PDB file of N, CA and C in Angstrom:
ATOM      1  N   PRO A   1      -3.645 349.117 -33.635  1.00  0.00           N
ATOM      2  CA  PRO A   1      -4.541 348.051 -33.198  1.00  0.00           C
ATOM      3  C   PRO A   1      -5.488 348.554 -32.101  1.00  0.00           C
ATOM      4  N   PRO A   2      -6.680 347.987 -32.019  1.00  0.00           N
ATOM      5  CA  PRO A   2      -7.619 348.411 -30.979  1.00  0.00           C
ATOM      6  C   PRO A   2      -7.122 347.983 -29.603  1.00  0.00           C
ATOM      7  N   PRO A   3      -7.521 348.713 -28.568  1.00  0.00           N
ATOM      8  CA  PRO A   3      -7.074 348.328 -27.213  1.00  0.00           C
ATOM      9  C   PRO A   3      -7.665 346.984 -26.812  1.00  0.00           C
ATOM     10  N   ALA A   4      -6.920 346.250 -25.991  1.00  0.00           N
ATOM     11  CA  ALA A   4      -7.382 344.938 -25.520  1.00  0.00           C
ATOM     12  C   ALA A   4      -8.574 345.132 -24.585  1.00  0.00           C
ATOM     13  N   LEU A   5      -9.562 344.291 -24.743  1.00  0.00           N
ATOM     14  CA  LEU A   5     -10.725 344.337 -23.860  1.00  0.00           C
ATOM     15  C   LEU A   5     -10.407 343.626 -22.553  1.00  0.00           C
ATOM     16  N   PRO A   6     -10.957 344.115 -21.444  1.00  0.00           N
ATOM     17  CA  PRO A   6     -10.714 343.410 -20.172  1.00  0.00           C
ATOM     18  C   PRO A   6     -11.405 342.050 -20.194  1.00  0.00           C
ATOM     19  N   GLY A   7     -10.797 341.083 -19.536  1.00  0.00           N
ATOM     20  CA  GLY A   7     -11.385 339.748 -19.448  1.00  0.00           C
ATOM     21  C   GLY A   7     -12.536 339.725 -18.455  1.00  0.00           C
ATOM     22  N   PRO A   8     -13.296 338.648 -18.419  1.00  0.00           N
ATOM     23  CA  PRO A   8     -14.373 338.532 -17.443  1.00  0.00           C
ATOM     24  C   PRO A   8     -13.804 338.493 -16.020  1.00  0.00           C
ATOM     25  N   GLY A   9     -14.663 338.649 -15.011  1.00  0.00           N
ATOM     26  CA  GLY A   9     -14.224 338.716 -13.622  1.00  0.00           C
ATOM     27  C   GLY A   9     -13.446 337.504 -13.149  1.00  0.00           C
ATOM     28  N   TRP A  10     -13.692 336.338 -13.747  1.00  0.00           N
ATOM     29  CA  TRP A  10     -13.019 335.120 -13.307  1.00  0.00           C
ATOM     30  C   TRP A  10     -11.669 334.920 -14.000  1.00  0.00           C
ATOM     31  N   TRP A  11     -11.327 335.791 -14.900  1.00  0.00           N
ATOM     32  CA  TRP A  11     -10.133 335.619 -15.739  1.00  0.00           C
ATOM     33  C   TRP A  11      -8.849 335.427 -14.943  1.00  0.00           C
ATOM     34  N   ASP A  12      -8.719 336.133 -13.816  1.00  0.00           N
ATOM     35  CA  ASP A  12      -7.492 336.065 -13.021  1.00  0.00           C
ATOM     36  C   ASP A  12      -7.620 335.161 -11.810  1.00  0.00           C
ATOM     37  N   ALA A  13      -8.676 334.361 -11.738  1.00  0.00           N
ATOM     38  CA  ALA A  13      -8.902 333.489 -10.581  1.00  0.00           C
ATOM     39  C   ALA A  13      -7.854 332.372 -10.528  1.00  0.00           C
ATOM     40  N   PRO A  14      -7.493 331.913  -9.316  1.00  0.00           N
ATOM     41  CA  PRO A  14      -6.559 330.792  -9.196  1.00  0.00           C
ATOM     42  C   PRO A  14      -7.080 329.577  -9.953  1.00  0.00           C
ATOM     43  N   GLY A  15      -6.210 328.942 -10.684  1.00  0.00           N
ATOM     44  CA  GLY A  15      -6.583 327.782 -11.480  1.00  0.00           C
ATOM     45  C   GLY A  15      -6.899 328.140 -12.907  1.00  0.00           C
ATOM     46  N   ILE A  16      -7.209 329.395 -13.160  1.00  0.00           N
ATOM     47  CA  ILE A  16      -7.482 329.853 -14.514  1.00  0.00           C
ATOM     48  C   ILE A  16      -6.337 330.742 -14.980  1.00  0.00           C
ATOM     49  N   ALA A  17      -5.884 331.607 -14.092  1.00  0.00           N
ATOM     50  CA  ALA A  17      -4.790 332.514 -14.432  1.00  0.00           C
ATOM     51  C   ALA A  17      -3.533 331.719 -14.773  1.00  0.00           C
ATOM     52  N   PRO A  18      -2.779 332.165 -15.766  1.00  0.00           N
ATOM     53  CA  PRO A  18      -1.535 331.476 -16.101  1.00  0.00           C
ATOM     54  C   PRO A  18      -0.634 331.307 -14.887  1.00  0.00           C
ATOM     55  N   HIS A  19       0.001 330.188 -14.780  1.00  0.00           N
ATOM     56  CA  HIS A  19       0.970 329.853 -13.729  1.00  0.00           C
ATOM     57  C   HIS A  19       0.345 329.664 -12.347  1.00  0.00           C
ATOM     58  N   SER A  20      -0.984 329.494 -12.262  1.00  0.00           N
ATOM     59  CA  SER A  20      -1.600 329.268 -10.957  1.00  0.00           C
ATOM     60  C   SER A  20      -1.902 327.783 -10.729  1.00  0.00           C
ATOM     61  N   TRP A  21      -1.635 326.939 -11.725  1.00  0.00           N
ATOM     62  CA  TRP A  21      -1.829 325.505 -11.570  1.00  0.00           C
ATOM     63  C   TRP A  21      -0.717 324.948 -10.685  1.00  0.00           C
ATOM     64  N   ILE A  22      -0.964 323.809 -10.064  1.00  0.00           N
ATOM     65  CA  ILE A  22       0.000 323.172  -9.174  1.00  0.00           C
ATOM     66  C   ILE A  22       0.550 321.937  -9.879  1.00  0.00           C
ATOM     67  N   GLU A  23       1.841 321.896 -10.123  1.00  0.00           N
ATOM     68  CA  GLU A  23       2.476 320.724 -10.735  1.00  0.00           C
ATOM     69  C   GLU A  23       3.103 319.895  -9.625  1.00  0.00           C
ATOM     70  N   LEU A  24       2.835 318.586  -9.628  1.00  0.00           N
ATOM     71  CA  LEU A  24       3.382 317.714  -8.597  1.00  0.00           C
ATOM     72  C   LEU A  24       3.573 316.310  -9.143  1.00  0.00           C
ATOM     73  N   THR A  25       4.429 315.548  -8.477  1.00  0.00           N
ATOM     74  CA  THR A  25       4.620 314.138  -8.781  1.00  0.00           C
ATOM     75  C   THR A  25       4.378 313.375  -7.498  1.00  0.00           C
ATOM     76  N   LEU A  26       3.459 312.406  -7.561  1.00  0.00           N
ATOM     77  CA  LEU A  26       3.098 311.603  -6.391  1.00  0.00           C
ATOM     78  C   LEU A  26       3.714 310.221  -6.502  1.00  0.00           C
ATOM     79  N   ALA A  27       4.142 309.668  -5.381  1.00  0.00           N
ATOM     80  CA  ALA A  27       4.665 308.303  -5.331  1.00  0.00           C
ATOM     81  C   ALA A  27       3.495 307.378  -5.010  1.00  0.00           C
ATOM     82  N   LEU A  28       3.013 306.650  -6.018  1.00  0.00           N
ATOM     83  CA  LEU A  28       1.923 305.694  -5.835  1.00  0.00           C
ATOM     84  C   LEU A  28       2.495 304.282  -5.781  1.00  0.00           C
ATOM     85  N   PRO A  29       1.721 303.325  -5.259  1.00  0.00           N
ATOM     86  CA  PRO A  29       2.227 301.947  -5.174  1.00  0.00           C
ATOM     87  C   PRO A  29       2.659 301.374  -6.525  1.00  0.00           C
ATOM     88  N   ASP A  30       2.041 301.845  -7.629  1.00  0.00           N
ATOM     89  CA  ASP A  30       2.380 301.327  -8.954  1.00  0.00           C
ATOM     90  C   ASP A  30       3.351 302.236  -9.709  1.00  0.00           C
ATOM     91  N   GLY A  31       3.938 303.184  -9.025  1.00  0.00           N
ATOM     92  CA  GLY A  31       4.923 304.056  -9.647  1.00  0.00           C
ATOM     93  C   GLY A  31       4.526 305.514  -9.569  1.00  0.00           C
ATOM     94  N   PRO A  32       5.427 306.403  -9.974  1.00  0.00           N
ATOM     95  CA  PRO A  32       5.164 307.834  -9.854  1.00  0.00           C
ATOM     96  C   PRO A  32       4.044 308.290 -10.789  1.00  0.00           C
ATOM     97  N   LEU A  33       3.341 309.330 -10.357  1.00  0.00           N
ATOM     98  CA  LEU A  33       2.268 309.917 -11.149  1.00  0.00           C
ATOM     99  C   LEU A  33       2.477 311.421 -11.176  1.00  0.00           C
ATOM    100  N   ALA A  34       2.705 311.970 -12.367  1.00  0.00           N
ATOM    101  CA  ALA A  34       2.848 313.417 -12.535  1.00  0.00           C
ATOM    102  C   ALA A  34       1.466 313.997 -12.802  1.00  0.00           C
ATOM    103  N   LEU A  35       1.101 315.009 -12.037  1.00  0.00           N
ATOM    104  CA  LEU A  35      -0.205 315.655 -12.160  1.00  0.00           C
ATOM    105  C   LEU A  35      -0.053 317.160 -12.269  1.00  0.00           C
ATOM    106  N   VAL A  36      -1.081 317.768 -12.826  1.00  0.00           N
ATOM    107  CA  VAL A  36      -1.261 319.207 -12.749  1.00  0.00           C
ATOM    108  C   VAL A  36      -2.620 319.389 -12.096  1.00  0.00           C
ATOM    109  N   SER A  37      -2.650 320.069 -10.967  1.00  0.00           N
ATOM    110  CA  SER A  37      -3.862 320.206 -10.182  1.00  0.00           C
ATOM    111  C   SER A  37      -4.246 321.679 -10.062  1.00  0.00           C
ATOM    112  N   LEU A  38      -5.415 321.903  -9.495  1.00  0.00           N
ATOM    113  CA  LEU A  38      -5.923 323.259  -9.321  1.00  0.00           C
ATOM    114  C   LEU A  38      -5.944 323.659  -7.858  1.00  0.00           C
ATOM    115  N   PRO A  39      -5.755 324.916  -7.562  1.00  0.00           N
ATOM    116  CA  PRO A  39      -5.927 325.377  -6.193  1.00  0.00           C
ATOM    117  C   PRO A  39      -7.364 325.087  -5.741  1.00  0.00           C
ATOM    118  N   GLY A  40      -7.526 324.639  -4.513  1.00  0.00           N
ATOM    119  CA  GLY A  40      -8.846 324.371  -3.972  1.00  0.00           C
ATOM    120  C   GLY A  40      -9.304 322.932  -4.090  1.00  0.00           C
ATOM    121  N   VAL A  41      -8.627 322.117  -4.907  1.00  0.00           N
ATOM    122  CA  VAL A  41      -8.965 320.701  -5.007  1.00  0.00           C
ATOM    123  C   VAL A  41      -8.469 320.015  -3.742  1.00  0.00           C
ATOM    124  N   PHE A  42      -9.273 319.111  -3.165  1.00  0.00           N
ATOM    125  CA  PHE A  42      -8.855 318.397  -1.956  1.00  0.00           C
ATOM    126  C   PHE A  42      -7.505 317.741  -2.192  1.00  0.00           C
ATOM    127  N   ALA A  43      -6.580 317.967  -1.289  1.00  0.00           N
ATOM    128  CA  ALA A  43      -5.224 317.417  -1.377  1.00  0.00           C
ATOM    129  C   ALA A  43      -4.619 317.684  -2.758  1.00  0.00           C
ATOM    130  N   GLY A  44      -4.871 318.861  -3.276  1.00  0.00           N
ATOM    131  CA  GLY A  44      -4.411 319.206  -4.623  1.00  0.00           C
ATOM    132  C   GLY A  44      -2.919 319.325  -4.782  1.00  0.00           C
ATOM    133  N   ASP A  45      -2.191 319.413  -3.669  1.00  0.00           N
ATOM    134  CA  ASP A  45      -0.742 319.582  -3.762  1.00  0.00           C
ATOM    135  C   ASP A  45       0.033 318.469  -3.071  1.00  0.00           C
ATOM    136  N   HIS A  46      -0.668 317.375  -2.679  1.00  0.00           N
ATOM    137  CA  HIS A  46       0.014 316.261  -2.015  1.00  0.00           C
ATOM    138  C   HIS A  46      -0.892 315.023  -2.021  1.00  0.00           C
ATOM    139  N   LEU A  47      -0.335 313.883  -1.672  1.00  0.00           N
ATOM    140  CA  LEU A  47      -1.112 312.656  -1.505  1.00  0.00           C
ATOM    141  C   LEU A  47      -1.495 312.575  -0.035  1.00  0.00           C
ATOM    142  N   ASP A  48      -2.796 312.675   0.247  1.00  0.00           N
ATOM    143  CA  ASP A  48      -3.222 312.664   1.648  1.00  0.00           C
ATOM    144  C   ASP A  48      -3.086 311.259   2.236  1.00  0.00           C
ATOM    145  N   GLY A  49      -2.970 311.189   3.555  1.00  0.00           N
ATOM    146  CA  GLY A  49      -2.744 309.922   4.251  1.00  0.00           C
ATOM    147  C   GLY A  49      -3.838 308.892   4.022  1.00  0.00           C
ATOM    148  N   GLY A  50      -5.093 309.323   3.976  1.00  0.00           N
ATOM    149  CA  GLY A  50      -6.196 308.384   3.756  1.00  0.00           C
ATOM    150  C   GLY A  50      -6.138 307.734   2.389  1.00  0.00           C
ATOM    151  N   THR A  51      -5.842 308.524   1.361  1.00  0.00           N
ATOM    152  CA  THR A  51      -5.722 307.977   0.004  1.00  0.00           C
ATOM    153  C   THR A  51      -4.517 307.057  -0.092  1.00  0.00           C
ATOM    154  N   GLU A  52      -3.431 307.436   0.529  1.00  0.00           N
ATOM    155  CA  GLU A  52      -2.229 306.596   0.523  1.00  0.00           C
ATOM    156  C   GLU A  52      -2.519 305.239   1.163  1.00  0.00           C
ATOM    157  N   LEU A  53      -3.226 305.239   2.288  1.00  0.00           N
ATOM    158  CA  LEU A  53      -3.595 303.995   2.965  1.00  0.00           C
ATOM    159  C   LEU A  53      -4.522 303.152   2.093  1.00  0.00           C
ATOM    160  N   LEU A  54      -5.520 303.787   1.493  1.00  0.00           N
ATOM    161  CA  LEU A  54      -6.458 303.069   0.625  1.00  0.00           C
ATOM    162  C   LEU A  54      -5.737 302.416  -0.553  1.00  0.00           C
ATOM    163  N   LEU A  55      -4.866 303.155  -1.227  1.00  0.00           N
ATOM    164  CA  LEU A  55      -4.160 302.610  -2.385  1.00  0.00           C
ATOM    165  C   LEU A  55      -3.270 301.434  -2.008  1.00  0.00           C
ATOM    166  N   ALA A  56      -2.713 301.481  -0.810  1.00  0.00           N
ATOM    167  CA  ALA A  56      -1.833 300.393  -0.362  1.00  0.00           C
ATOM    168  C   ALA A  56      -2.610 299.113  -0.062  1.00  0.00           C
ATOM    169  N   HIS A  57      -3.930 299.219   0.154  1.00  0.00           N
ATOM    170  CA  HIS A  57      -4.706 298.049   0.567  1.00  0.00           C
ATOM    171  C   HIS A  57      -5.830 297.664  -0.387  1.00  0.00           C
ATOM    172  N   LEU A  58      -5.931 298.312  -1.530  1.00  0.00           N
ATOM    173  CA  LEU A  58      -6.965 297.951  -2.502  1.00  0.00           C
ATOM    174  C   LEU A  58      -6.680 296.571  -3.088  1.00  0.00           C
ATOM    175  N   PRO A  59      -7.726 295.758  -3.296  1.00  0.00           N
ATOM    176  CA  PRO A  59      -7.508 294.497  -4.015  1.00  0.00           C
ATOM    177  C   PRO A  59      -7.235 294.795  -5.491  1.00  0.00           C
ATOM    178  N   ASN A  60      -6.761 293.816  -6.207  1.00  0.00           N
ATOM    179  CA  ASN A  60      -6.460 293.981  -7.626  1.00  0.00           C
ATOM    180  C   ASN A  60      -7.756 294.289  -8.384  1.00  0.00           C
ATOM    181  N   PRO A  61      -7.853 295.452  -9.036  1.00  0.00           N
ATOM    182  CA  PRO A  61      -9.084 295.819  -9.730  1.00  0.00           C
ATOM    183  C   PRO A  61      -9.118 295.416 -11.204  1.00  0.00           C
ATOM    184  N   ALA A  62      -8.107 294.681 -11.678  1.00  0.00           N
ATOM    185  CA  ALA A  62      -8.026 294.343 -13.103  1.00  0.00           C
ATOM    186  C   ALA A  62      -9.322 293.685 -13.566  1.00  0.00           C
ATOM    187  N   GLY A  63      -9.877 294.220 -14.652  1.00  0.00           N
ATOM    188  CA  GLY A  63     -11.087 293.677 -15.240  1.00  0.00           C
ATOM    189  C   GLY A  63     -12.382 294.165 -14.598  1.00  0.00           C
ATOM    190  N   LEU A  64     -12.305 294.925 -13.517  1.00  0.00           N
ATOM    191  CA  LEU A  64     -13.503 295.437 -12.851  1.00  0.00           C
ATOM    192  C   LEU A  64     -13.860 296.814 -13.391  1.00  0.00           C
ATOM    193  N   ARG A  65     -15.136 297.161 -13.279  1.00  0.00           N
ATOM    194  CA  ARG A  65     -15.580 298.522 -13.599  1.00  0.00           C
ATOM    195  C   ARG A  65     -15.599 299.304 -12.302  1.00  0.00           C
ATOM    196  N   CYS A  66     -14.942 300.450 -12.276  1.00  0.00           N
ATOM    197  CA  CYS A  66     -14.814 301.237 -11.052  1.00  0.00           C
ATOM    198  C   CYS A  66     -15.255 302.670 -11.298  1.00  0.00           C
ATOM    199  N   LEU A  67     -15.777 303.291 -10.252  1.00  0.00           N
ATOM    200  CA  LEU A  67     -16.181 304.683 -10.295  1.00  0.00           C
ATOM    201  C   LEU A  67     -15.626 305.379  -9.059  1.00  0.00           C
ATOM    202  N   ASP A  68     -14.884 306.443  -9.268  1.00  0.00           N
ATOM    203  CA  ASP A  68     -14.321 307.224  -8.175  1.00  0.00           C
ATOM    204  C   ASP A  68     -15.161 308.488  -8.029  1.00  0.00           C
ATOM    205  N   VAL A  69     -16.107 308.473  -7.094  1.00  0.00           N
ATOM    206  CA  VAL A  69     -17.006 309.605  -6.883  1.00  0.00           C
ATOM    207  C   VAL A  69     -16.307 310.638  -5.999  1.00  0.00           C
ATOM    208  N   GLY A  70     -16.439 311.909  -6.346  1.00  0.00           N
ATOM    209  CA  GLY A  70     -15.761 312.960  -5.581  1.00  0.00           C
ATOM    210  C   GLY A  70     -14.264 312.817  -5.725  1.00  0.00           C
ATOM    211  N   CYS A  71     -13.795 312.669  -6.944  1.00  0.00           N
ATOM    212  CA  CYS A  71     -12.439 312.196  -7.213  1.00  0.00           C
ATOM    213  C   CYS A  71     -11.318 313.196  -6.949  1.00  0.00           C
ATOM    214  N   GLY A  72     -11.615 314.435  -6.582  1.00  0.00           N
ATOM    215  CA  GLY A  72     -10.520 315.383  -6.347  1.00  0.00           C
ATOM    216  C   GLY A  72      -9.664 315.524  -7.590  1.00  0.00           C
ATOM    217  N   ASN A  73      -8.386 315.220  -7.481  1.00  0.00           N
ATOM    218  CA  ASN A  73      -7.525 315.312  -8.659  1.00  0.00           C
ATOM    219  C   ASN A  73      -7.388 313.972  -9.390  1.00  0.00           C
ATOM    220  N   GLY A  74      -8.178 312.970  -9.004  1.00  0.00           N
ATOM    221  CA  GLY A  74      -8.272 311.727  -9.773  1.00  0.00           C
ATOM    222  C   GLY A  74      -7.251 310.660  -9.465  1.00  0.00           C
ATOM    223  N   VAL A  75      -6.520 310.788  -8.373  1.00  0.00           N
ATOM    224  CA  VAL A  75      -5.431 309.852  -8.064  1.00  0.00           C
ATOM    225  C   VAL A  75      -5.948 308.409  -7.972  1.00  0.00           C
ATOM    226  N   ILE A  76      -7.056 308.179  -7.280  1.00  0.00           N
ATOM    227  CA  ILE A  76      -7.567 306.813  -7.113  1.00  0.00           C
ATOM    228  C   ILE A  76      -8.010 306.245  -8.454  1.00  0.00           C
ATOM    229  N   GLY A  77      -8.758 307.020  -9.233  1.00  0.00           N
ATOM    230  CA  GLY A  77      -9.203 306.550 -10.542  1.00  0.00           C
ATOM    231  C   GLY A  77      -8.044 306.249 -11.472  1.00  0.00           C
ATOM    232  N   ILE A  78      -7.022 307.090 -11.458  1.00  0.00           N
ATOM    233  CA  ILE A  78      -5.851 306.849 -12.303  1.00  0.00           C
ATOM    234  C   ILE A  78      -5.137 305.574 -11.850  1.00  0.00           C
ATOM    235  N   HIS A  79      -4.993 305.405 -10.557  1.00  0.00           N
ATOM    236  CA  HIS A  79      -4.361 304.189 -10.023  1.00  0.00           C
ATOM    237  C   HIS A  79      -5.147 302.947 -10.464  1.00  0.00           C
ATOM    238  N   LEU A  80      -6.471 302.986 -10.342  1.00  0.00           N
ATOM    239  CA  LEU A  80      -7.301 301.853 -10.739  1.00  0.00           C
ATOM    240  C   LEU A  80      -7.172 301.574 -12.240  1.00  0.00           C
ATOM    241  N   ALA A  81      -7.190 302.615 -13.061  1.00  0.00           N
ATOM    242  CA  ALA A  81      -7.058 302.433 -14.513  1.00  0.00           C
ATOM    243  C   ALA A  81      -5.698 301.849 -14.869  1.00  0.00           C
ATOM    244  N   ARG A  82      -4.641 302.322 -14.225  1.00  0.00           N
ATOM    245  CA  ARG A  82      -3.309 301.784 -14.516  1.00  0.00           C
ATOM    246  C   ARG A  82      -3.189 300.333 -14.091  1.00  0.00           C
ATOM    247  N   ALA A  83      -4.036 299.903 -13.124  1.00  0.00           N
ATOM    248  CA  ALA A  83      -4.013 298.510 -12.672  1.00  0.00           C
ATOM    249  C   ALA A  83      -4.952 297.627 -13.490  1.00  0.00           C
ATOM    250  N   GLY A  84      -5.626 298.186 -14.496  1.00  0.00           N
ATOM    251  CA  GLY A  84      -6.449 297.373 -15.398  1.00  0.00           C
ATOM    252  C   GLY A  84      -7.936 297.483 -15.201  1.00  0.00           C
ATOM    253  N   ALA A  85      -8.414 298.384 -14.360  1.00  0.00           N
ATOM    254  CA  ALA A  85      -9.850 298.574 -14.183  1.00  0.00           C
ATOM    255  C   ALA A  85     -10.401 299.421 -15.332  1.00  0.00           C
ATOM    256  N   ALA A  86     -11.681 299.264 -15.553  1.00  0.00           N
ATOM    257  CA  ALA A  86     -12.368 300.080 -16.564  1.00  0.00           C
ATOM    258  C   ALA A  86     -13.080 301.220 -15.876  1.00  0.00           C
TER     259      ALA A  86
END
């Protein structure tokens, strides 16, 4: 067989290289959330205090259309969707 070609320069970068993803389970107000996150994402390996406070005090979003700008690993958007937001 022909020799393997080297991958591009980004091939071994964190988040792309095998086993460099971060697996975590977060305790959200509506129950646990299992995520796979990337190195470098804001609070990629934990639920930060500000997000935890926000989730604890959000009004019921059921039936509302919501947009999570700068969503990091998507915890707020996932929480809103699980509560019935679009």
